[in-house]
Amino acid sequence: MKPRVYVTNYNGNYDYTGAEAYGELINMTQGFIPLHRYDAVLNAFENYAKTANENDYLLLSGSNLVCALAVSAWMKHRGSARLLQHGKGWDENKNPIRTYLEYHVQSAA
């Protein structure tokens, strides 16, 4: 089964096509999230985490709070998270290119 890449907060101004190399993109939220909706967002993230598997990724996108809620849901239900973060690399001519940085975090227990 091809891994899934869960985008924490889709933003139409960003190009996510590079992340498709890691798996199928799934947008968990999109756009501005009002403060009074964060409880519903956390609940949605927990539902996604329950159906994810160990090969899936969280692509960190959006506010720090949105990303923190997504990672906390993953850690609660999965015990670990494979994370992708927008990054920058360089080609052989030292020109900047967009890339993704990959991290793996696990709970201490």
PDB file of N, CA and C in Angstrom:
ATOM      1  N   MET A   1       0.836  -1.180   0.000  1.00  0.00           N
ATOM      2  CA  MET A   1       0.000   0.000   0.000  1.00  0.00           C
ATOM      3  C   MET A   1       0.887   1.251   0.000  1.00  0.00           C
ATOM      4  N   LYS A   2       0.580   2.191  -0.863  1.00  0.00           N
ATOM      5  CA  LYS A   2       1.336   3.433  -0.965  1.00  0.00           C
ATOM      6  C   LYS A   2       1.099   4.275   0.296  1.00  0.00           C
ATOM      7  N   PRO A   3       2.158   4.827   0.877  1.00  0.00           N
ATOM      8  CA  PRO A   3       1.977   5.679   2.062  1.00  0.00           C
ATOM      9  C   PRO A   3       1.089   6.881   1.749  1.00  0.00           C
ATOM     10  N   ARG A   4       0.503   7.417   2.793  1.00  0.00           N
ATOM     11  CA  ARG A   4      -0.278   8.642   2.681  1.00  0.00           C
ATOM     12  C   ARG A   4       0.493   9.769   3.350  1.00  0.00           C
ATOM     13  N   VAL A   5       0.316  10.959   2.812  1.00  0.00           N
ATOM     14  CA  VAL A   5       0.937  12.158   3.361  1.00  0.00           C
ATOM     15  C   VAL A   5      -0.200  13.062   3.830  1.00  0.00           C
ATOM     16  N   TYR A   6      -0.344  13.173   5.132  1.00  0.00           N
ATOM     17  CA  TYR A   6      -1.413  13.977   5.717  1.00  0.00           C
ATOM     18  C   TYR A   6      -0.916  15.413   5.869  1.00  0.00           C
ATOM     19  N   VAL A   7      -1.524  16.327   5.116  1.00  0.00           N
ATOM     20  CA  VAL A   7      -1.156  17.743   5.159  1.00  0.00           C
ATOM     21  C   VAL A   7      -1.934  18.381   6.304  1.00  0.00           C
ATOM     22  N   THR A   8      -1.222  18.916   7.300  1.00  0.00           N
ATOM     23  CA  THR A   8      -1.888  19.420   8.493  1.00  0.00           C
ATOM     24  C   THR A   8      -2.819  20.591   8.196  1.00  0.00           C
ATOM     25  N   ASN A   9      -2.433  21.487   7.295  1.00  0.00           N
ATOM     26  CA  ASN A   9      -3.296  22.612   6.922  1.00  0.00           C
ATOM     27  C   ASN A   9      -2.936  23.049   5.507  1.00  0.00           C
ATOM     28  N   TYR A  10      -3.748  22.641   4.557  1.00  0.00           N
ATOM     29  CA  TYR A  10      -3.496  22.935   3.147  1.00  0.00           C
ATOM     30  C   TYR A  10      -3.608  24.431   2.892  1.00  0.00           C
ATOM     31  N   ASN A  11      -2.660  24.969   2.130  1.00  0.00           N
ATOM     32  CA  ASN A  11      -2.654  26.369   1.735  1.00  0.00           C
ATOM     33  C   ASN A  11      -2.456  26.397   0.228  1.00  0.00           C
ATOM     34  N   GLY A  12      -3.424  26.926  -0.490  1.00  0.00           N
ATOM     35  CA  GLY A  12      -3.374  26.965  -1.942  1.00  0.00           C
ATOM     36  C   GLY A  12      -2.230  27.778  -2.519  1.00  0.00           C
ATOM     37  N   ASN A  13      -1.554  28.564  -1.677  1.00  0.00           N
ATOM     38  CA  ASN A  13      -0.422  29.358  -2.157  1.00  0.00           C
ATOM     39  C   ASN A  13       0.878  28.563  -2.196  1.00  0.00           C
ATOM     40  N   TYR A  14       0.870  27.340  -1.674  1.00  0.00           N
ATOM     41  CA  TYR A  14       2.074  26.510  -1.651  1.00  0.00           C
ATOM     42  C   TYR A  14       1.962  25.399  -2.677  1.00  0.00           C
ATOM     43  N   ASP A  15       3.095  24.978  -3.183  1.00  0.00           N
ATOM     44  CA  ASP A  15       3.158  23.875  -4.127  1.00  0.00           C
ATOM     45  C   ASP A  15       3.536  22.609  -3.356  1.00  0.00           C
ATOM     46  N   TYR A  16       2.625  21.677  -3.271  1.00  0.00           N
ATOM     47  CA  TYR A  16       2.844  20.440  -2.526  1.00  0.00           C
ATOM     48  C   TYR A  16       3.217  19.264  -3.433  1.00  0.00           C
ATOM     49  N   THR A  17       3.396  19.506  -4.724  1.00  0.00           N
ATOM     50  CA  THR A  17       3.629  18.402  -5.650  1.00  0.00           C
ATOM     51  C   THR A  17       4.871  17.593  -5.295  1.00  0.00           C
ATOM     52  N   GLY A  18       5.903  18.223  -4.735  1.00  0.00           N
ATOM     53  CA  GLY A  18       7.103  17.488  -4.333  1.00  0.00           C
ATOM     54  C   GLY A  18       6.822  16.454  -3.262  1.00  0.00           C
ATOM     55  N   ALA A  19       5.820  16.702  -2.450  1.00  0.00           N
ATOM     56  CA  ALA A  19       5.468  15.762  -1.378  1.00  0.00           C
ATOM     57  C   ALA A  19       4.781  14.513  -1.922  1.00  0.00           C
ATOM     58  N   GLU A  20       4.281  14.577  -3.138  1.00  0.00           N
ATOM     59  CA  GLU A  20       3.632  13.408  -3.736  1.00  0.00           C
ATOM     60  C   GLU A  20       4.612  12.257  -3.916  1.00  0.00           C
ATOM     61  N   ALA A  21       5.899  12.546  -3.931  1.00  0.00           N
ATOM     62  CA  ALA A  21       6.913  11.490  -4.027  1.00  0.00           C
ATOM     63  C   ALA A  21       6.880  10.599  -2.783  1.00  0.00           C
ATOM     64  N   TYR A  22       6.364  11.116  -1.667  1.00  0.00           N
ATOM     65  CA  TYR A  22       6.295  10.359  -0.421  1.00  0.00           C
ATOM     66  C   TYR A  22       4.996   9.566  -0.291  1.00  0.00           C
ATOM     67  N   GLY A  23       3.976   9.927  -1.061  1.00  0.00           N
ATOM     68  CA  GLY A  23       2.705   9.209  -0.988  1.00  0.00           C
ATOM     69  C   GLY A  23       1.538  10.077  -1.419  1.00  0.00           C
ATOM     70  N   GLU A  24       0.353   9.534  -1.245  1.00  0.00           N
ATOM     71  CA  GLU A  24      -0.894  10.213  -1.612  1.00  0.00           C
ATOM     72  C   GLU A  24      -1.177  11.346  -0.628  1.00  0.00           C
ATOM     73  N   LEU A  25      -1.436  12.555  -1.163  1.00  0.00           N
ATOM     74  CA  LEU A  25      -1.707  13.706  -0.306  1.00  0.00           C
ATOM     75  C   LEU A  25      -3.148  13.692   0.199  1.00  0.00           C
ATOM     76  N   ILE A  26      -3.300  13.922   1.501  1.00  0.00           N
ATOM     77  CA  ILE A  26      -4.606  14.031   2.137  1.00  0.00           C
ATOM     78  C   ILE A  26      -4.606  15.315   2.953  1.00  0.00           C
ATOM     79  N   ASN A  27      -5.490  16.242   2.600  1.00  0.00           N
ATOM     80  CA  ASN A  27      -5.575  17.516   3.309  1.00  0.00           C
ATOM     81  C   ASN A  27      -6.483  17.363   4.520  1.00  0.00           C
ATOM     82  N   MET A  28      -5.915  17.503   5.715  1.00  0.00           N
ATOM     83  CA  MET A  28      -6.707  17.338   6.937  1.00  0.00           C
ATOM     84  C   MET A  28      -7.495  18.593   7.273  1.00  0.00           C
ATOM     85  N   THR A  29      -6.930  19.762   7.043  1.00  0.00           N
ATOM     86  CA  THR A  29      -7.643  21.031   7.206  1.00  0.00           C
ATOM     87  C   THR A  29      -7.204  21.934   6.074  1.00  0.00           C
ATOM     88  N   GLN A  30      -7.922  23.045   5.930  1.00  0.00           N
ATOM     89  CA  GLN A  30      -7.584  23.974   4.862  1.00  0.00           C
ATOM     90  C   GLN A  30      -7.909  25.390   5.307  1.00  0.00           C
ATOM     91  N   GLY A  31      -6.968  26.308   5.058  1.00  0.00           N
ATOM     92  CA  GLY A  31      -7.213  27.721   5.302  1.00  0.00           C
ATOM     93  C   GLY A  31      -7.197  28.116   6.765  1.00  0.00           C
ATOM     94  N   PHE A  32      -7.720  29.302   7.011  1.00  0.00           N
ATOM     95  CA  PHE A  32      -7.732  29.886   8.351  1.00  0.00           C
ATOM     96  C   PHE A  32      -8.633  29.081   9.283  1.00  0.00           C
ATOM     97  N   ILE A  33      -8.157  28.854  10.503  1.00  0.00           N
ATOM     98  CA  ILE A  33      -8.941  28.136  11.505  1.00  0.00           C
ATOM     99  C   ILE A  33      -9.150  29.077  12.693  1.00  0.00           C
ATOM    100  N   PRO A  34     -10.401  29.468  12.971  1.00  0.00           N
ATOM    101  CA  PRO A  34     -10.668  30.344  14.117  1.00  0.00           C
ATOM    102  C   PRO A  34     -10.345  29.635  15.433  1.00  0.00           C
ATOM    103  N   LEU A  35      -9.957  30.409  16.431  1.00  0.00           N
ATOM    104  CA  LEU A  35      -9.573  29.845  17.720  1.00  0.00           C
ATOM    105  C   LEU A  35     -10.651  28.949  18.328  1.00  0.00           C
ATOM    106  N   HIS A  36     -11.900  29.286  18.146  1.00  0.00           N
ATOM    107  CA  HIS A  36     -12.964  28.484  18.760  1.00  0.00           C
ATOM    108  C   HIS A  36     -13.191  27.149  18.047  1.00  0.00           C
ATOM    109  N   ARG A  37     -12.446  26.869  16.994  1.00  0.00           N
ATOM    110  CA  ARG A  37     -12.598  25.611  16.247  1.00  0.00           C
ATOM    111  C   ARG A  37     -11.466  24.620  16.499  1.00  0.00           C
ATOM    112  N   TYR A  38     -10.500  24.965  17.339  1.00  0.00           N
ATOM    113  CA  TYR A  38      -9.365  24.079  17.541  1.00  0.00           C
ATOM    114  C   TYR A  38      -9.748  22.755  18.201  1.00  0.00           C
ATOM    115  N   ASP A  39     -10.805  22.732  18.986  1.00  0.00           N
ATOM    116  CA  ASP A  39     -11.227  21.455  19.577  1.00  0.00           C
ATOM    117  C   ASP A  39     -11.703  20.503  18.485  1.00  0.00           C
ATOM    118  N   ALA A  40     -12.434  21.015  17.510  1.00  0.00           N
ATOM    119  CA  ALA A  40     -12.896  20.185  16.389  1.00  0.00           C
ATOM    120  C   ALA A  40     -11.724  19.740  15.523  1.00  0.00           C
ATOM    121  N   VAL A  41     -10.743  20.614  15.358  1.00  0.00           N
ATOM    122  CA  VAL A  41      -9.547  20.269  14.578  1.00  0.00           C
ATOM    123  C   VAL A  41      -8.784  19.140  15.264  1.00  0.00           C
ATOM    124  N   LEU A  42      -8.599  19.238  16.568  1.00  0.00           N
ATOM    125  CA  LEU A  42      -7.905  18.179  17.302  1.00  0.00           C
ATOM    126  C   LEU A  42      -8.656  16.859  17.172  1.00  0.00           C
ATOM    127  N   ASN A  43      -9.971  16.896  17.271  1.00  0.00           N
ATOM    128  CA  ASN A  43     -10.778  15.690  17.108  1.00  0.00           C
ATOM    129  C   ASN A  43     -10.588  15.088  15.707  1.00  0.00           C
ATOM    130  N   ALA A  44     -10.572  15.935  14.696  1.00  0.00           N
ATOM    131  CA  ALA A  44     -10.348  15.453  13.321  1.00  0.00           C
ATOM    132  C   ALA A  44      -8.960  14.838  13.185  1.00  0.00           C
ATOM    133  N   PHE A  45      -7.942  15.494  13.756  1.00  0.00           N
ATOM    134  CA  PHE A  45      -6.585  14.956  13.695  1.00  0.00           C
ATOM    135  C   PHE A  45      -6.506  13.591  14.373  1.00  0.00           C
ATOM    136  N   GLU A  46      -7.193  13.435  15.493  1.00  0.00           N
ATOM    137  CA  GLU A  46      -7.180  12.142  16.181  1.00  0.00           C
ATOM    138  C   GLU A  46      -7.839  11.064  15.333  1.00  0.00           C
ATOM    139  N   ASN A  47      -8.911  11.409  14.623  1.00  0.00           N
ATOM    140  CA  ASN A  47      -9.550  10.434  13.734  1.00  0.00           C
ATOM    141  C   ASN A  47      -8.623  10.032  12.595  1.00  0.00           C
ATOM    142  N   TYR A  48      -7.909  10.987  12.027  1.00  0.00           N
ATOM    143  CA  TYR A  48      -6.932  10.656  10.983  1.00  0.00           C
ATOM    144  C   TYR A  48      -5.833   9.766  11.551  1.00  0.00           C
ATOM    145  N   ALA A  49      -5.353  10.093  12.743  1.00  0.00           N
ATOM    146  CA  ALA A  49      -4.267   9.317  13.359  1.00  0.00           C
ATOM    147  C   ALA A  49      -4.691   7.874  13.600  1.00  0.00           C
ATOM    148  N   LYS A  50      -5.931   7.658  13.954  1.00  0.00           N
ATOM    149  CA  LYS A  50      -6.428   6.302  14.221  1.00  0.00           C
ATOM    150  C   LYS A  50      -6.411   5.434  12.970  1.00  0.00           C
ATOM    151  N   THR A  51      -6.572   6.051  11.800  1.00  0.00           N
ATOM    152  CA  THR A  51      -6.624   5.272  10.557  1.00  0.00           C
ATOM    153  C   THR A  51      -5.283   5.247   9.819  1.00  0.00           C
ATOM    154  N   ALA A  52      -4.327   6.043  10.275  1.00  0.00           N
ATOM    155  CA  ALA A  52      -3.004   6.077   9.632  1.00  0.00           C
ATOM    156  C   ALA A  52      -2.224   4.818   9.980  1.00  0.00           C
ATOM    157  N   ASN A  53      -1.194   4.556   9.201  1.00  0.00           N
ATOM    158  CA  ASN A  53      -0.313   3.430   9.534  1.00  0.00           C
ATOM    159  C   ASN A  53       1.117   3.923   9.683  1.00  0.00           C
ATOM    160  N   GLU A  54       2.023   3.021  10.034  1.00  0.00           N
ATOM    161  CA  GLU A  54       3.395   3.410  10.356  1.00  0.00           C
ATOM    162  C   GLU A  54       4.179   3.935   9.156  1.00  0.00           C
ATOM    163  N   ASN A  55       3.694   3.729   7.944  1.00  0.00           N
ATOM    164  CA  ASN A  55       4.379   4.225   6.748  1.00  0.00           C
ATOM    165  C   ASN A  55       3.924   5.610   6.326  1.00  0.00           C
ATOM    166  N   ASP A  56       2.871   6.128   6.952  1.00  0.00           N
ATOM    167  CA  ASP A  56       2.305   7.417   6.569  1.00  0.00           C
ATOM    168  C   ASP A  56       3.100   8.577   7.163  1.00  0.00           C
ATOM    169  N   TYR A  57       2.933   9.738   6.559  1.00  0.00           N
ATOM    170  CA  TYR A  57       3.643  10.947   6.965  1.00  0.00           C
ATOM    171  C   TYR A  57       2.663  12.037   7.386  1.00  0.00           C
ATOM    172  N   LEU A  58       3.140  12.932   8.243  1.00  0.00           N
ATOM    173  CA  LEU A  58       2.487  14.205   8.528  1.00  0.00           C
ATOM    174  C   LEU A  58       3.321  15.279   7.847  1.00  0.00           C
ATOM    175  N   LEU A  59       2.718  16.031   6.935  1.00  0.00           N
ATOM    176  CA  LEU A  59       3.415  17.153   6.322  1.00  0.00           C
ATOM    177  C   LEU A  59       3.019  18.392   7.115  1.00  0.00           C
ATOM    178  N   LEU A  60       3.981  18.983   7.812  1.00  0.00           N
ATOM    179  CA  LEU A  60       3.720  20.126   8.680  1.00  0.00           C
ATOM    180  C   LEU A  60       3.503  21.374   7.838  1.00  0.00           C
ATOM    181  N   SER A  61       2.286  21.889   7.890  1.00  0.00           N
ATOM    182  CA  SER A  61       1.912  23.055   7.114  1.00  0.00           C
ATOM    183  C   SER A  61       0.855  23.809   7.904  1.00  0.00           C
ATOM    184  N   GLY A  62       0.983  25.112   7.962  1.00  0.00           N
ATOM    185  CA  GLY A  62       0.035  25.914   8.728  1.00  0.00           C
ATOM    186  C   GLY A  62       0.684  26.476   9.976  1.00  0.00           C
ATOM    187  N   SER A  63      -0.150  26.970  10.882  1.00  0.00           N
ATOM    188  CA  SER A  63       0.365  27.607  12.097  1.00  0.00           C
ATOM    189  C   SER A  63       1.066  26.589  12.992  1.00  0.00           C
ATOM    190  N   ASN A  64       1.901  27.097  13.872  1.00  0.00           N
ATOM    191  CA  ASN A  64       2.589  26.224  14.824  1.00  0.00           C
ATOM    192  C   ASN A  64       1.591  25.456  15.675  1.00  0.00           C
ATOM    193  N   LEU A  65       0.489  26.097  16.058  1.00  0.00           N
ATOM    194  CA  LEU A  65      -0.506  25.430  16.886  1.00  0.00           C
ATOM    195  C   LEU A  65      -1.162  24.269  16.134  1.00  0.00           C
ATOM    196  N   VAL A  66      -1.502  24.471  14.879  1.00  0.00           N
ATOM    197  CA  VAL A  66      -2.087  23.396  14.074  1.00  0.00           C
ATOM    198  C   VAL A  66      -1.117  22.229  13.976  1.00  0.00           C
ATOM    199  N   CYS A  67       0.147  22.516  13.692  1.00  0.00           N
ATOM    200  CA  CYS A  67       1.150  21.456  13.578  1.00  0.00           C
ATOM    201  C   CYS A  67       1.323  20.727  14.913  1.00  0.00           C
ATOM    202  N   ALA A  68       1.342  21.479  16.020  1.00  0.00           N
ATOM    203  CA  ALA A  68       1.493  20.862  17.346  1.00  0.00           C
ATOM    204  C   ALA A  68       0.312  19.954  17.665  1.00  0.00           C
ATOM    205  N   LEU A  69      -0.897  20.380  17.328  1.00  0.00           N
ATOM    206  CA  LEU A  69      -2.075  19.540  17.573  1.00  0.00           C
ATOM    207  C   LEU A  69      -2.008  18.256  16.758  1.00  0.00           C
ATOM    208  N   ALA A  70      -1.573  18.352  15.514  1.00  0.00           N
ATOM    209  CA  ALA A  70      -1.477  17.164  14.661  1.00  0.00           C
ATOM    210  C   ALA A  70      -0.447  16.180  15.208  1.00  0.00           C
ATOM    211  N   VAL A  71       0.724  16.686  15.583  1.00  0.00           N
ATOM    212  CA  VAL A  71       1.766  15.804  16.119  1.00  0.00           C
ATOM    213  C   VAL A  71       1.304  15.184  17.430  1.00  0.00           C
ATOM    214  N   SER A  72       0.640  15.952  18.278  1.00  0.00           N
ATOM    215  CA  SER A  72       0.177  15.390  19.554  1.00  0.00           C
ATOM    216  C   SER A  72      -0.855  14.293  19.327  1.00  0.00           C
ATOM    217  N   ALA A  73      -1.735  14.464  18.348  1.00  0.00           N
ATOM    218  CA  ALA A  73      -2.711  13.412  18.035  1.00  0.00           C
ATOM    219  C   ALA A  73      -2.008  12.157  17.530  1.00  0.00           C
ATOM    220  N   TRP A  74      -0.998  12.349  16.677  1.00  0.00           N
ATOM    221  CA  TRP A  74      -0.248  11.195  16.153  1.00  0.00           C
ATOM    222  C   TRP A  74       0.449  10.461  17.290  1.00  0.00           C
ATOM    223  N   MET A  75       1.090  11.206  18.174  1.00  0.00           N
ATOM    224  CA  MET A  75       1.827  10.581  19.273  1.00  0.00           C
ATOM    225  C   MET A  75       0.868   9.858  20.220  1.00  0.00           C
ATOM    226  N   LYS A  76      -0.290  10.433  20.464  1.00  0.00           N
ATOM    227  CA  LYS A  76      -1.277   9.813  21.349  1.00  0.00           C
ATOM    228  C   LYS A  76      -1.766   8.480  20.790  1.00  0.00           C
ATOM    229  N   HIS A  77      -2.071   8.447  19.506  1.00  0.00           N
ATOM    230  CA  HIS A  77      -2.683   7.257  18.918  1.00  0.00           C
ATOM    231  C   HIS A  77      -1.704   6.323  18.221  1.00  0.00           C
ATOM    232  N   ARG A  78      -0.530   6.813  17.870  1.00  0.00           N
ATOM    233  CA  ARG A  78       0.404   5.992  17.114  1.00  0.00           C
ATOM    234  C   ARG A  78       1.706   5.740  17.870  1.00  0.00           C
ATOM    235  N   GLY A  79       2.064   6.630  18.814  1.00  0.00           N
ATOM    236  CA  GLY A  79       3.311   6.471  19.550  1.00  0.00           C
ATOM    237  C   GLY A  79       4.532   6.960  18.802  1.00  0.00           C
ATOM    238  N   SER A  80       4.362   7.306  17.534  1.00  0.00           N
ATOM    239  CA  SER A  80       5.452   7.848  16.729  1.00  0.00           C
ATOM    240  C   SER A  80       4.847   8.619  15.563  1.00  0.00           C
ATOM    241  N   ALA A  81       5.696   9.398  14.913  1.00  0.00           N
ATOM    242  CA  ALA A  81       5.235  10.166  13.751  1.00  0.00           C
ATOM    243  C   ALA A  81       6.387  10.329  12.770  1.00  0.00           C
ATOM    244  N   ARG A  82       6.065  10.141  11.509  1.00  0.00           N
ATOM    245  CA  ARG A  82       7.009  10.445  10.428  1.00  0.00           C
ATOM    246  C   ARG A  82       6.609  11.811   9.896  1.00  0.00           C
ATOM    247  N   LEU A  83       7.505  12.779  10.012  1.00  0.00           N
ATOM    248  CA  LEU A  83       7.194  14.158   9.685  1.00  0.00           C
ATOM    249  C   LEU A  83       7.914  14.609   8.432  1.00  0.00           C
ATOM    250  N   LEU A  84       7.229  15.452   7.666  1.00  0.00           N
ATOM    251  CA  LEU A  84       7.833  16.138   6.533  1.00  0.00           C
ATOM    252  C   LEU A  84       7.694  17.631   6.774  1.00  0.00           C
ATOM    253  N   GLN A  85       8.752  18.367   6.475  1.00  0.00           N
ATOM    254  CA  GLN A  85       8.742  19.812   6.632  1.00  0.00           C
ATOM    255  C   GLN A  85       9.288  20.429   5.362  1.00  0.00           C
ATOM    256  N   HIS A  86       8.667  21.530   4.918  1.00  0.00           N
ATOM    257  CA  HIS A  86       9.202  22.251   3.772  1.00  0.00           C
ATOM    258  C   HIS A  86      10.636  22.651   4.072  1.00  0.00           C
ATOM    259  N   GLY A  87      11.492  22.457   3.109  1.00  0.00           N
ATOM    260  CA  GLY A  87      12.890  22.816   3.304  1.00  0.00           C
ATOM    261  C   GLY A  87      13.488  23.334   2.012  1.00  0.00           C
ATOM    262  N   LYS A  88      14.773  23.566   2.032  1.00  0.00           N
ATOM    263  CA  LYS A  88      15.472  24.046   0.853  1.00  0.00           C
ATOM    264  C   LYS A  88      16.766  23.270   0.719  1.00  0.00           C
ATOM    265  N   GLY A  89      17.026  22.819  -0.475  1.00  0.00           N
ATOM    266  CA  GLY A  89      18.279  22.156  -0.777  1.00  0.00           C
ATOM    267  C   GLY A  89      18.972  22.900  -1.913  1.00  0.00           C
ATOM    268  N   TRP A  90      20.031  22.317  -2.428  1.00  0.00           N
ATOM    269  CA  TRP A  90      20.760  22.944  -3.512  1.00  0.00           C
ATOM    270  C   TRP A  90      21.085  21.903  -4.569  1.00  0.00           C
ATOM    271  N   ASP A  91      20.986  22.320  -5.828  1.00  0.00           N
ATOM    272  CA  ASP A  91      21.341  21.414  -6.914  1.00  0.00           C
ATOM    273  C   ASP A  91      22.855  21.424  -7.109  1.00  0.00           C
ATOM    274  N   GLU A  92      23.329  20.697  -8.128  1.00  0.00           N
ATOM    275  CA  GLU A  92      24.774  20.572  -8.342  1.00  0.00           C
ATOM    276  C   GLU A  92      25.444  21.902  -8.678  1.00  0.00           C
ATOM    277  N   ASN A  93      24.649  22.905  -9.125  1.00  0.00           N
ATOM    278  CA  ASN A  93      25.192  24.231  -9.426  1.00  0.00           C
ATOM    279  C   ASN A  93      24.993  25.216  -8.271  1.00  0.00           C
ATOM    280  N   LYS A  94      24.621  24.677  -7.118  1.00  0.00           N
ATOM    281  CA  LYS A  94      24.398  25.470  -5.909  1.00  0.00           C
ATOM    282  C   LYS A  94      23.228  26.437  -6.037  1.00  0.00           C
ATOM    283  N   ASN A  95      22.242  26.075  -6.869  1.00  0.00           N
ATOM    284  CA  ASN A  95      21.006  26.845  -6.968  1.00  0.00           C
ATOM    285  C   ASN A  95      20.014  26.276  -5.959  1.00  0.00           C
ATOM    286  N   PRO A  96      19.286  27.153  -5.275  1.00  0.00           N
ATOM    287  CA  PRO A  96      18.327  26.640  -4.293  1.00  0.00           C
ATOM    288  C   PRO A  96      17.182  25.880  -4.963  1.00  0.00           C
ATOM    289  N   ILE A  97      16.801  24.776  -4.358  1.00  0.00           N
ATOM    290  CA  ILE A  97      15.641  24.009  -4.819  1.00  0.00           C
ATOM    291  C   ILE A  97      14.778  23.678  -3.608  1.00  0.00           C
ATOM    292  N   ARG A  98      13.475  23.609  -3.824  1.00  0.00           N
ATOM    293  CA  ARG A  98      12.568  23.228  -2.748  1.00  0.00           C
ATOM    294  C   ARG A  98      12.646  21.730  -2.526  1.00  0.00           C
ATOM    295  N   THR A  99      12.617  21.354  -1.292  1.00  0.00           N
ATOM    296  CA  THR A  99      12.678  19.949  -0.935  1.00  0.00           C
ATOM    297  C   THR A  99      11.883  19.744   0.348  1.00  0.00           C
ATOM    298  N   TYR A 100      11.892  18.556   0.846  1.00  0.00           N
ATOM    299  CA  TYR A 100      11.238  18.248   2.123  1.00  0.00           C
ATOM    300  C   TYR A 100      12.258  17.604   3.050  1.00  0.00           C
ATOM    301  N   LEU A 101      12.227  18.046   4.292  1.00  0.00           N
ATOM    302  CA  LEU A 101      13.071  17.456   5.326  1.00  0.00           C
ATOM    303  C   LEU A 101      12.248  16.394   6.026  1.00  0.00           C
ATOM    304  N   GLU A 102      12.849  15.239   6.282  1.00  0.00           N
ATOM    305  CA  GLU A 102      12.136  14.117   6.869  1.00  0.00           C
ATOM    306  C   GLU A 102      12.650  13.861   8.270  1.00  0.00           C
ATOM    307  N   TYR A 103      11.703  13.712   9.208  1.00  0.00           N
ATOM    308  CA  TYR A 103      12.026  13.429  10.603  1.00  0.00           C
ATOM    309  C   TYR A 103      11.190  12.257  11.083  1.00  0.00           C
ATOM    310  N   HIS A 104      11.691  11.539  12.054  1.00  0.00           N
ATOM    311  CA  HIS A 104      10.910  10.474  12.704  1.00  0.00           C
ATOM    312  C   HIS A 104      11.013  10.683  14.204  1.00  0.00           C
ATOM    313  N   VAL A 105       9.874  10.829  14.867  1.00  0.00           N
ATOM    314  CA  VAL A 105       9.865  11.015  16.314  1.00  0.00           C
ATOM    315  C   VAL A 105       9.106   9.860  16.967  1.00  0.00           C
ATOM    316  N   GLN A 106       9.561   9.454  18.134  1.00  0.00           N
ATOM    317  CA  GLN A 106       8.934   8.367  18.884  1.00  0.00           C
ATOM    318  C   GLN A 106       8.757   8.807  20.318  1.00  0.00           C
ATOM    319  N   SER A 107       7.734   8.252  20.968  1.00  0.00           N
ATOM    320  CA  SER A 107       7.550   8.554  22.391  1.00  0.00           C
ATOM    321  C   SER A 107       8.624   7.850  23.196  1.00  0.00           C
ATOM    322  N   ALA A 108       8.941   8.391  24.331  1.00  0.00           N
ATOM    323  CA  ALA A 108      10.000   7.846  25.175  1.00  0.00           C
ATOM    324  C   ALA A 108       9.577   6.552  25.849  1.00  0.00           C
ATOM    325  N   ALA A 109       8.292   6.371  26.036  1.00  0.00           N
ATOM    326  CA  ALA A 109       7.816   5.180  26.768  1.00  0.00           C
ATOM    327  C   ALA A 109       7.615   4.001  25.858  1.00  0.00           C
TER     328      ALA A 109
END
